[in-house]
Structure formats: C-alpha cells, structure tokens
Amino acid sequence: MKFSFLGASYNHKPQTIDTVESEITAKFMGKSYKIRRPVVAQISSERNLKYRGVAY
C-alpha cells in the first residue's frame, strides 16, 4: 500500500502474525468470543529512531 504524508511518499507493508485460538473467553457488547494468541513470539528489530534530530 502506498501512502503520502506532507509530500513524502512511503510504502506500508503490514506484518502478518499467525494465531491460534486460546481457552480464554471474552465478552464485548454482549457477544462472547475466544481470545487468539500468536503461535510464535515475534522478535522486534532494534531501530534507530530520531525525532527532530534527537535520537531516542
């Protein structure tokens, strides 16, 4: 998916996560549903983030 913000174009590639249904049941607005959890824990990559030239 291609986006543009303040004149800068970028591509968005959403990450897919495999899930399985757990034994936990939740209720929202009167409807019950099973909670889903990830099959394998995702490893987040380390990023060098900057905001207005300051790294954090």
PDB file of N, CA and C in Angstrom:
ATOM      1  N   MET A   1       0.844  -1.157   0.000  1.00  0.00           N
ATOM      2  CA  MET A   1       0.000   0.000   0.000  1.00  0.00           C
ATOM      3  C   MET A   1       0.904   1.239   0.000  1.00  0.00           C
ATOM      4  N   LYS A   2       0.614   2.192  -0.868  1.00  0.00           N
ATOM      5  CA  LYS A   2       1.444   3.390  -0.966  1.00  0.00           C
ATOM      6  C   LYS A   2       0.727   4.569  -0.323  1.00  0.00           C
ATOM      7  N   PHE A   3       1.442   5.310   0.518  1.00  0.00           N
ATOM      8  CA  PHE A   3       0.899   6.468   1.215  1.00  0.00           C
ATOM      9  C   PHE A   3       1.749   7.697   0.939  1.00  0.00           C
ATOM     10  N   SER A   4       1.188   8.849   1.259  1.00  0.00           N
ATOM     11  CA  SER A   4       1.916  10.106   1.143  1.00  0.00           C
ATOM     12  C   SER A   4       1.543  10.975   2.341  1.00  0.00           C
ATOM     13  N   PHE A   5       2.545  11.589   2.969  1.00  0.00           N
ATOM     14  CA  PHE A   5       2.310  12.468   4.108  1.00  0.00           C
ATOM     15  C   PHE A   5       3.249  13.648   4.004  1.00  0.00           C
ATOM     16  N   LEU A   6       2.705  14.843   3.981  1.00  0.00           N
ATOM     17  CA  LEU A   6       3.480  16.079   3.859  1.00  0.00           C
ATOM     18  C   LEU A   6       4.449  16.017   2.674  1.00  0.00           C
ATOM     19  N   GLY A   7       3.975  15.449   1.576  1.00  0.00           N
ATOM     20  CA  GLY A   7       4.775  15.383   0.360  1.00  0.00           C
ATOM     21  C   GLY A   7       5.758  14.236   0.293  1.00  0.00           C
ATOM     22  N   ALA A   8       5.917  13.480   1.362  1.00  0.00           N
ATOM     23  CA  ALA A   8       6.840  12.343   1.373  1.00  0.00           C
ATOM     24  C   ALA A   8       6.052  11.063   1.135  1.00  0.00           C
ATOM     25  N   SER A   9       6.437  10.294   0.115  1.00  0.00           N
ATOM     26  CA  SER A   9       5.766   9.031  -0.189  1.00  0.00           C
ATOM     27  C   SER A   9       6.454   7.885   0.542  1.00  0.00           C
ATOM     28  N   TYR A  10       5.675   6.904   0.935  1.00  0.00           N
ATOM     29  CA  TYR A  10       6.239   5.711   1.558  1.00  0.00           C
ATOM     30  C   TYR A  10       5.308   4.535   1.332  1.00  0.00           C
ATOM     31  N   ASN A  11       5.849   3.331   1.443  1.00  0.00           N
ATOM     32  CA  ASN A  11       5.073   2.105   1.283  1.00  0.00           C
ATOM     33  C   ASN A  11       4.830   1.484   2.644  1.00  0.00           C
ATOM     34  N   HIS A  12       3.625   0.969   2.822  1.00  0.00           N
ATOM     35  CA  HIS A  12       3.268   0.299   4.071  1.00  0.00           C
ATOM     36  C   HIS A  12       3.102  -1.181   3.789  1.00  0.00           C
ATOM     37  N   LYS A  13       3.861  -2.008   4.496  1.00  0.00           N
ATOM     38  CA  LYS A  13       3.764  -3.456   4.351  1.00  0.00           C
ATOM     39  C   LYS A  13       3.401  -4.034   5.712  1.00  0.00           C
ATOM     40  N   PRO A  14       2.102  -4.274   5.971  1.00  0.00           N
ATOM     41  CA  PRO A  14       1.706  -4.787   7.281  1.00  0.00           C
ATOM     42  C   PRO A  14       2.292  -6.174   7.555  1.00  0.00           C
ATOM     43  N   GLN A  15       2.655  -6.391   8.794  1.00  0.00           N
ATOM     44  CA  GLN A  15       3.238  -7.656   9.213  1.00  0.00           C
ATOM     45  C   GLN A  15       2.116  -8.650   9.492  1.00  0.00           C
ATOM     46  N   THR A  16       2.253  -9.872   9.002  1.00  0.00           N
ATOM     47  CA  THR A  16       1.252 -10.896   9.278  1.00  0.00           C
ATOM     48  C   THR A  16       1.705 -11.723  10.474  1.00  0.00           C
ATOM     49  N   ILE A  17       0.756 -12.090  11.313  1.00  0.00           N
ATOM     50  CA  ILE A  17       1.043 -12.862  12.517  1.00  0.00           C
ATOM     51  C   ILE A  17       0.118 -14.069  12.543  1.00  0.00           C
ATOM     52  N   ASP A  18       0.692 -15.275  12.622  1.00  0.00           N
ATOM     53  CA  ASP A  18      -0.103 -16.491  12.739  1.00  0.00           C
ATOM     54  C   ASP A  18      -0.614 -16.610  14.166  1.00  0.00           C
ATOM     55  N   THR A  19      -1.909 -16.905  14.319  1.00  0.00           N
ATOM     56  CA  THR A  19      -2.512 -17.012  15.649  1.00  0.00           C
ATOM     57  C   THR A  19      -3.261 -18.328  15.801  1.00  0.00           C
ATOM     58  N   VAL A  20      -3.472 -18.715  17.051  1.00  0.00           N
ATOM     59  CA  VAL A  20      -4.302 -19.875  17.382  1.00  0.00           C
ATOM     60  C   VAL A  20      -5.295 -19.456  18.458  1.00  0.00           C
ATOM     61  N   GLU A  21      -6.416 -20.123  18.490  1.00  0.00           N
ATOM     62  CA  GLU A  21      -7.451 -19.813  19.475  1.00  0.00           C
ATOM     63  C   GLU A  21      -7.042 -20.359  20.842  1.00  0.00           C
ATOM     64  N   SER A  22      -7.178 -19.553  21.887  1.00  0.00           N
ATOM     65  CA  SER A  22      -6.836 -19.994  23.238  1.00  0.00           C
ATOM     66  C   SER A  22      -8.106 -20.447  23.964  1.00  0.00           C
ATOM     67  N   GLU A  23      -7.943 -20.853  25.211  1.00  0.00           N
ATOM     68  CA  GLU A  23      -9.090 -21.306  26.004  1.00  0.00           C
ATOM     69  C   GLU A  23      -9.786 -20.149  26.710  1.00  0.00           C
ATOM     70  N   ILE A  24      -9.253 -18.944  26.592  1.00  0.00           N
ATOM     71  CA  ILE A  24      -9.812 -17.772  27.267  1.00  0.00           C
ATOM     72  C   ILE A  24     -10.982 -17.222  26.462  1.00  0.00           C
ATOM     73  N   THR A  25     -12.106 -16.998  27.147  1.00  0.00           N
ATOM     74  CA  THR A  25     -13.287 -16.428  26.513  1.00  0.00           C
ATOM     75  C   THR A  25     -13.483 -15.012  27.031  1.00  0.00           C
ATOM     76  N   ALA A  26     -13.781 -14.099  26.125  1.00  0.00           N
ATOM     77  CA  ALA A  26     -14.032 -12.707  26.491  1.00  0.00           C
ATOM     78  C   ALA A  26     -15.429 -12.324  26.013  1.00  0.00           C
ATOM     79  N   LYS A  27     -15.931 -11.208  26.527  1.00  0.00           N
ATOM     80  CA  LYS A  27     -17.242 -10.731  26.112  1.00  0.00           C
ATOM     81  C   LYS A  27     -17.136  -9.242  25.819  1.00  0.00           C
ATOM     82  N   PHE A  28     -17.683  -8.830  24.664  1.00  0.00           N
ATOM     83  CA  PHE A  28     -17.687  -7.428  24.274  1.00  0.00           C
ATOM     84  C   PHE A  28     -19.047  -7.104  23.681  1.00  0.00           C
ATOM     85  N   MET A  29     -19.689  -6.104  24.248  1.00  0.00           N
ATOM     86  CA  MET A  29     -21.013  -5.660  23.812  1.00  0.00           C
ATOM     87  C   MET A  29     -22.004  -6.831  23.726  1.00  0.00           C
ATOM     88  N   GLY A  30     -21.929  -7.722  24.728  1.00  0.00           N
ATOM     89  CA  GLY A  30     -22.863  -8.826  24.828  1.00  0.00           C
ATOM     90  C   GLY A  30     -22.520 -10.044  23.993  1.00  0.00           C
ATOM     91  N   LYS A  31     -21.457  -9.988  23.219  1.00  0.00           N
ATOM     92  CA  LYS A  31     -21.082 -11.118  22.377  1.00  0.00           C
ATOM     93  C   LYS A  31     -19.816 -11.770  22.919  1.00  0.00           C
ATOM     94  N   SER A  32     -19.835 -13.085  23.103  1.00  0.00           N
ATOM     95  CA  SER A  32     -18.672 -13.828  23.587  1.00  0.00           C
ATOM     96  C   SER A  32     -17.799 -14.255  22.414  1.00  0.00           C
ATOM     97  N   TYR A  33     -16.499 -14.272  22.654  1.00  0.00           N
ATOM     98  CA  TYR A  33     -15.564 -14.742  21.635  1.00  0.00           C
ATOM     99  C   TYR A  33     -14.316 -15.283  22.309  1.00  0.00           C
ATOM    100  N   LYS A  34     -13.579 -16.116  21.588  1.00  0.00           N
ATOM    101  CA  LYS A  34     -12.335 -16.701  22.091  1.00  0.00           C
ATOM    102  C   LYS A  34     -11.174 -15.765  21.772  1.00  0.00           C
ATOM    103  N   ILE A  35     -10.278 -15.610  22.741  1.00  0.00           N
ATOM    104  CA  ILE A  35      -9.075 -14.801  22.549  1.00  0.00           C
ATOM    105  C   ILE A  35      -8.095 -15.597  21.690  1.00  0.00           C
ATOM    106  N   ARG A  36      -7.444 -14.920  20.749  1.00  0.00           N
ATOM    107  CA  ARG A  36      -6.434 -15.561  19.911  1.00  0.00           C
ATOM    108  C   ARG A  36      -5.054 -15.093  20.371  1.00  0.00           C
ATOM    109  N   ARG A  37      -4.078 -15.985  20.325  1.00  0.00           N
ATOM    110  CA  ARG A  37      -2.721 -15.641  20.728  1.00  0.00           C
ATOM    111  C   ARG A  37      -1.761 -16.001  19.598  1.00  0.00           C
ATOM    112  N   PRO A  38      -0.597 -15.355  19.532  1.00  0.00           N
ATOM    113  CA  PRO A  38       0.365 -15.663  18.465  1.00  0.00           C
ATOM    114  C   PRO A  38       0.957 -17.056  18.630  1.00  0.00           C
ATOM    115  N   VAL A  39       1.242 -17.709  17.516  1.00  0.00           N
ATOM    116  CA  VAL A  39       1.835 -19.042  17.532  1.00  0.00           C
ATOM    117  C   VAL A  39       3.267 -18.959  18.049  1.00  0.00           C
ATOM    118  N   VAL A  40       4.047 -18.023  17.545  1.00  0.00           N
ATOM    119  CA  VAL A  40       5.445 -17.839  17.933  1.00  0.00           C
ATOM    120  C   VAL A  40       5.621 -16.385  18.340  1.00  0.00           C
ATOM    121  N   ALA A  41       6.349 -16.163  19.422  1.00  0.00           N
ATOM    122  CA  ALA A  41       6.602 -14.789  19.864  1.00  0.00           C
ATOM    123  C   ALA A  41       7.394 -14.047  18.796  1.00  0.00           C
ATOM    124  N   GLN A  42       6.967 -12.833  18.483  1.00  0.00           N
ATOM    125  CA  GLN A  42       7.632 -12.026  17.471  1.00  0.00           C
ATOM    126  C   GLN A  42       8.879 -11.375  18.060  1.00  0.00           C
ATOM    127  N   ILE A  43       9.942 -11.387  17.298  1.00  0.00           N
ATOM    128  CA  ILE A  43      11.183 -10.740  17.709  1.00  0.00           C
ATOM    129  C   ILE A  43      11.200  -9.360  17.071  1.00  0.00           C
ATOM    130  N   SER A  44      11.194  -8.344  17.911  1.00  0.00           N
ATOM    131  CA  SER A  44      11.197  -6.991  17.364  1.00  0.00           C
ATOM    132  C   SER A  44      12.620  -6.596  16.994  1.00  0.00           C
ATOM    133  N   SER A  45      12.732  -5.936  15.873  1.00  0.00           N
ATOM    134  CA  SER A  45      14.053  -5.496  15.434  1.00  0.00           C
ATOM    135  C   SER A  45      14.406  -4.180  16.118  1.00  0.00           C
ATOM    136  N   GLU A  46      15.668  -4.011  16.375  1.00  0.00           N
ATOM    137  CA  GLU A  46      16.132  -2.789  17.012  1.00  0.00           C
ATOM    138  C   GLU A  46      16.165  -1.684  15.962  1.00  0.00           C
ATOM    139  N   ARG A  47      15.633  -0.533  16.299  1.00  0.00           N
ATOM    140  CA  ARG A  47      15.577   0.574  15.352  1.00  0.00           C
ATOM    141  C   ARG A  47      16.291   1.787  15.927  1.00  0.00           C
ATOM    142  N   ASN A  48      16.876   2.542  15.049  1.00  0.00           N
ATOM    143  CA  ASN A  48      17.484   3.810  15.437  1.00  0.00           C
ATOM    144  C   ASN A  48      16.472   4.896  15.122  1.00  0.00           C
ATOM    145  N   LEU A  49      15.763   5.354  16.137  1.00  0.00           N
ATOM    146  CA  LEU A  49      14.710   6.333  15.940  1.00  0.00           C
ATOM    147  C   LEU A  49      15.214   7.737  16.225  1.00  0.00           C
ATOM    148  N   LYS A  50      14.707   8.695  15.446  1.00  0.00           N
ATOM    149  CA  LYS A  50      15.051  10.101  15.646  1.00  0.00           C
ATOM    150  C   LYS A  50      13.788  10.935  15.555  1.00  0.00           C
ATOM    151  N   TYR A  51      13.727  11.963  16.379  1.00  0.00           N
ATOM    152  CA  TYR A  51      12.645  12.937  16.325  1.00  0.00           C
ATOM    153  C   TYR A  51      13.267  14.316  16.369  1.00  0.00           C
ATOM    154  N   ARG A  52      13.072  15.067  15.326  1.00  0.00           N
ATOM    155  CA  ARG A  52      13.653  16.412  15.197  1.00  0.00           C
ATOM    156  C   ARG A  52      15.159  16.408  15.436  1.00  0.00           C
ATOM    157  N   GLY A  53      15.812  15.362  14.921  1.00  0.00           N
ATOM    158  CA  GLY A  53      17.263  15.280  15.001  1.00  0.00           C
ATOM    159  C   GLY A  53      17.809  14.689  16.280  1.00  0.00           C
ATOM    160  N   VAL A  54      16.940  14.340  17.243  1.00  0.00           N
ATOM    161  CA  VAL A  54      17.382  13.779  18.517  1.00  0.00           C
ATOM    162  C   VAL A  54      17.074  12.286  18.534  1.00  0.00           C
ATOM    163  N   ALA A  55      18.094  11.472  18.778  1.00  0.00           N
ATOM    164  CA  ALA A  55      17.910  10.022  18.836  1.00  0.00           C
ATOM    165  C   ALA A  55      17.284   9.619  20.168  1.00  0.00           C
ATOM    166  N   TYR A  56      16.431   8.606  20.129  1.00  0.00           N
ATOM    167  CA  TYR A  56      15.842   8.066  21.361  1.00  0.00           C
ATOM    168  C   TYR A  56      15.635   6.592  21.235  1.00  0.00           C
TER     169      TYR A  56
END
